[in-house]
């Protein structure tokens, strides 16, 4: 990843000095005009905010299993489907493989009895 040349860094003291001179870009009149009801409405409209209780039945308690690094060949269309799910697609692939392995382990246990 290339380093950006347009990044400017300030110390906390420099920021306070700029704010004292009125150089911050925050529109404080707009901030002060927001009412509680309007703020609550914008929170409710946020699609990324979870408004319900999490589903605790699917949690896994304990230390995560150790991960092994492997190289694996996967069909292009399968990989593209997982990648289309966004960030965390490798974890999703691991979860699918885990679910498959667990169902096979359960059926192997039943067959051996």
C-alpha atoms as a PDB file:
ATOM      1  CA  UNK A   1       0.000   0.000   0.000  1.00  0.00           C
ATOM      2  CA  UNK A   2       1.417   3.341  -1.038  1.00  0.00           C
ATOM      3  CA  UNK A   3       1.818   6.075   1.539  1.00  0.00           C
ATOM      4  CA  UNK A   4      -0.346   9.123   0.854  1.00  0.00           C
ATOM      5  CA  UNK A   5       1.483  12.421   0.506  1.00  0.00           C
ATOM      6  CA  UNK A   6      -1.490  14.632   1.374  1.00  0.00           C
ATOM      7  CA  UNK A   7      -1.811  13.492   5.001  1.00  0.00           C
ATOM      8  CA  UNK A   8      -1.122  16.256   7.524  1.00  0.00           C
ATOM      9  CA  UNK A   9      -0.500  15.510  11.189  1.00  0.00           C
ATOM     10  CA  UNK A  10      -1.097  17.914  14.068  1.00  0.00           C
ATOM     11  CA  UNK A  11      -0.351  17.658  17.771  1.00  0.00           C
ATOM     12  CA  UNK A  12      -3.165  18.152  20.271  1.00  0.00           C
ATOM     13  CA  UNK A  13      -1.732  21.570  21.120  1.00  0.00           C
ATOM     14  CA  UNK A  14      -1.725  22.616  17.447  1.00  0.00           C
ATOM     15  CA  UNK A  15      -5.342  21.474  17.066  1.00  0.00           C
ATOM     16  CA  UNK A  16      -6.438  23.482  20.123  1.00  0.00           C
ATOM     17  CA  UNK A  17      -4.670  26.549  18.720  1.00  0.00           C
ATOM     18  CA  UNK A  18      -6.390  26.137  15.333  1.00  0.00           C
ATOM     19  CA  UNK A  19      -9.778  25.748  17.024  1.00  0.00           C
ATOM     20  CA  UNK A  20      -9.168  28.872  19.130  1.00  0.00           C
ATOM     21  CA  UNK A  21      -8.525  30.802  15.902  1.00  0.00           C
ATOM     22  CA  UNK A  22     -11.779  29.427  14.443  1.00  0.00           C
ATOM     23  CA  UNK A  23     -10.056  27.224  11.876  1.00  0.00           C
ATOM     24  CA  UNK A  24     -12.051  24.055  12.559  1.00  0.00           C
ATOM     25  CA  UNK A  25     -14.525  23.048   9.858  1.00  0.00           C
ATOM     26  CA  UNK A  26     -17.315  21.914  12.176  1.00  0.00           C
ATOM     27  CA  UNK A  27     -20.624  23.730  11.680  1.00  0.00           C
ATOM     28  CA  UNK A  28     -21.509  24.180  15.349  1.00  0.00           C
ATOM     29  CA  UNK A  29     -24.773  25.994  14.550  1.00  0.00           C
ATOM     30  CA  UNK A  30     -25.942  22.898  12.680  1.00  0.00           C
ATOM     31  CA  UNK A  31     -24.828  20.646  15.546  1.00  0.00           C
ATOM     32  CA  UNK A  32     -26.655  22.781  18.109  1.00  0.00           C
ATOM     33  CA  UNK A  33     -29.815  22.809  15.961  1.00  0.00           C
ATOM     34  CA  UNK A  34     -30.229  19.024  16.099  1.00  0.00           C
ATOM     35  CA  UNK A  35     -33.008  18.110  18.506  1.00  0.00           C
ATOM     36  CA  UNK A  36     -33.161  14.924  20.516  1.00  0.00           C
ATOM     37  CA  UNK A  37     -36.076  13.624  18.466  1.00  0.00           C
ATOM     38  CA  UNK A  38     -34.232  14.275  15.206  1.00  0.00           C
ATOM     39  CA  UNK A  39     -31.146  12.537  16.552  1.00  0.00           C
ATOM     40  CA  UNK A  40     -33.190   9.496  17.628  1.00  0.00           C
ATOM     41  CA  UNK A  41     -34.848   9.363  14.189  1.00  0.00           C
ATOM     42  CA  UNK A  42     -31.474   9.360  12.442  1.00  0.00           C
ATOM     43  CA  UNK A  43     -30.251   6.570  14.738  1.00  0.00           C
ATOM     44  CA  UNK A  44     -33.346   4.480  13.960  1.00  0.00           C
ATOM     45  CA  UNK A  45     -32.841   5.057  10.224  1.00  0.00           C
ATOM     46  CA  UNK A  46     -29.261   3.741  10.352  1.00  0.00           C
ATOM     47  CA  UNK A  47     -29.325   0.393   8.531  1.00  0.00           C
ATOM     48  CA  UNK A  48     -25.998  -0.663  10.060  1.00  0.00           C
ATOM     49  CA  UNK A  49     -27.218  -0.228  13.627  1.00  0.00           C
ATOM     50  CA  UNK A  50     -28.650  -3.382  15.189  1.00  0.00           C
ATOM     51  CA  UNK A  51     -31.881  -2.547  17.022  1.00  0.00           C
ATOM     52  CA  UNK A  52     -32.648  -6.028  18.286  1.00  0.00           C
ATOM     53  CA  UNK A  53     -31.127  -8.362  20.842  1.00  0.00           C
ATOM     54  CA  UNK A  54     -28.301 -10.489  19.390  1.00  0.00           C
ATOM     55  CA  UNK A  55     -29.006 -14.156  18.763  1.00  0.00           C
ATOM     56  CA  UNK A  56     -27.056 -15.713  21.628  1.00  0.00           C
ATOM     57  CA  UNK A  57     -27.932 -19.322  20.701  1.00  0.00           C
ATOM     58  CA  UNK A  58     -25.173 -19.435  18.061  1.00  0.00           C
ATOM     59  CA  UNK A  59     -22.266 -18.138  20.155  1.00  0.00           C
ATOM     60  CA  UNK A  60     -19.132 -20.164  20.713  1.00  0.00           C
ATOM     61  CA  UNK A  61     -17.656 -19.894  24.188  1.00  0.00           C
ATOM     62  CA  UNK A  62     -13.957 -20.316  24.758  1.00  0.00           C
ATOM     63  CA  UNK A  63     -10.667 -19.704  23.064  1.00  0.00           C
ATOM     64  CA  UNK A  64     -10.848 -19.854  19.259  1.00  0.00           C
ATOM     65  CA  UNK A  65      -9.304 -22.914  17.647  1.00  0.00           C
ATOM     66  CA  UNK A  66      -5.776 -22.598  16.326  1.00  0.00           C
ATOM     67  CA  UNK A  67      -5.643 -21.747  12.637  1.00  0.00           C
ATOM     68  CA  UNK A  68      -3.315 -23.471  10.180  1.00  0.00           C
ATOM     69  CA  UNK A  69      -2.018 -21.694   7.109  1.00  0.00           C
ATOM     70  CA  UNK A  70      -2.577 -23.722   3.925  1.00  0.00           C
ATOM     71  CA  UNK A  71      -2.726 -23.143   0.204  1.00  0.00           C
ATOM     72  CA  UNK A  72      -5.843 -24.561  -1.375  1.00  0.00           C
ATOM     73  CA  UNK A  73      -7.176 -24.583  -4.916  1.00  0.00           C
ATOM     74  CA  UNK A  74     -10.832 -23.585  -5.123  1.00  0.00           C
ATOM     75  CA  UNK A  75     -13.045 -23.346  -8.200  1.00  0.00           C
ATOM     76  CA  UNK A  76     -13.125 -19.780  -9.508  1.00  0.00           C
ATOM     77  CA  UNK A  77     -16.901 -19.400  -9.291  1.00  0.00           C
ATOM     78  CA  UNK A  78     -16.962 -20.689  -5.708  1.00  0.00           C
ATOM     79  CA  UNK A  79     -14.245 -18.251  -4.628  1.00  0.00           C
ATOM     80  CA  UNK A  80     -15.991 -15.366  -6.418  1.00  0.00           C
ATOM     81  CA  UNK A  81     -19.229 -16.143  -4.571  1.00  0.00           C
ATOM     82  CA  UNK A  82     -17.490 -16.060  -1.190  1.00  0.00           C
ATOM     83  CA  UNK A  83     -15.593 -12.874  -2.106  1.00  0.00           C
ATOM     84  CA  UNK A  84     -18.863 -11.229  -3.156  1.00  0.00           C
ATOM     85  CA  UNK A  85     -19.988 -11.526   0.469  1.00  0.00           C
ATOM     86  CA  UNK A  86     -17.390  -8.892   1.366  1.00  0.00           C
ATOM     87  CA  UNK A  87     -14.857  -8.560   4.125  1.00  0.00           C
ATOM     88  CA  UNK A  88     -14.474 -11.727   6.161  1.00  0.00           C
ATOM     89  CA  UNK A  89     -15.119 -14.103   3.278  1.00  0.00           C
ATOM     90  CA  UNK A  90     -12.283 -16.404   4.424  1.00  0.00           C
ATOM     91  CA  UNK A  91     -13.897 -16.684   7.856  1.00  0.00           C
ATOM     92  CA  UNK A  92     -17.182 -17.469   6.125  1.00  0.00           C
ATOM     93  CA  UNK A  93     -15.461 -20.213   4.111  1.00  0.00           C
ATOM     94  CA  UNK A  94     -14.010 -21.618   7.341  1.00  0.00           C
ATOM     95  CA  UNK A  95     -17.453 -21.576   8.991  1.00  0.00           C
ATOM     96  CA  UNK A  96     -19.034 -23.424   6.041  1.00  0.00           C
ATOM     97  CA  UNK A  97     -16.296 -26.068   6.155  1.00  0.00           C
ATOM     98  CA  UNK A  98     -16.679 -26.370   9.943  1.00  0.00           C
ATOM     99  CA  UNK A  99     -20.465 -26.862   9.666  1.00  0.00           C
ATOM    100  CA  UNK A 100     -19.938 -29.522   6.993  1.00  0.00           C
ATOM    101  CA  UNK A 101     -17.305 -31.317   9.078  1.00  0.00           C
ATOM    102  CA  UNK A 102     -19.515 -31.242  12.185  1.00  0.00           C
ATOM    103  CA  UNK A 103     -22.473 -32.778  10.342  1.00  0.00           C
ATOM    104  CA  UNK A 104     -20.180 -35.527   8.998  1.00  0.00           C
ATOM    105  CA  UNK A 105     -18.728 -36.159  12.448  1.00  0.00           C
ATOM    106  CA  UNK A 106     -22.244 -36.516  13.875  1.00  0.00           C
ATOM    107  CA  UNK A 107     -23.272 -38.965  11.142  1.00  0.00           C
ATOM    108  CA  UNK A 108     -20.003 -40.928  11.592  1.00  0.00           C
ATOM    109  CA  UNK A 109     -20.728 -41.190  15.337  1.00  0.00           C
ATOM    110  CA  UNK A 110     -24.285 -42.441  14.678  1.00  0.00           C
ATOM    111  CA  UNK A 111     -23.083 -44.997  12.100  1.00  0.00           C
ATOM    112  CA  UNK A 112     -20.426 -46.429  14.426  1.00  0.00           C
ATOM    113  CA  UNK A 113     -22.932 -47.119  17.233  1.00  0.00           C
END
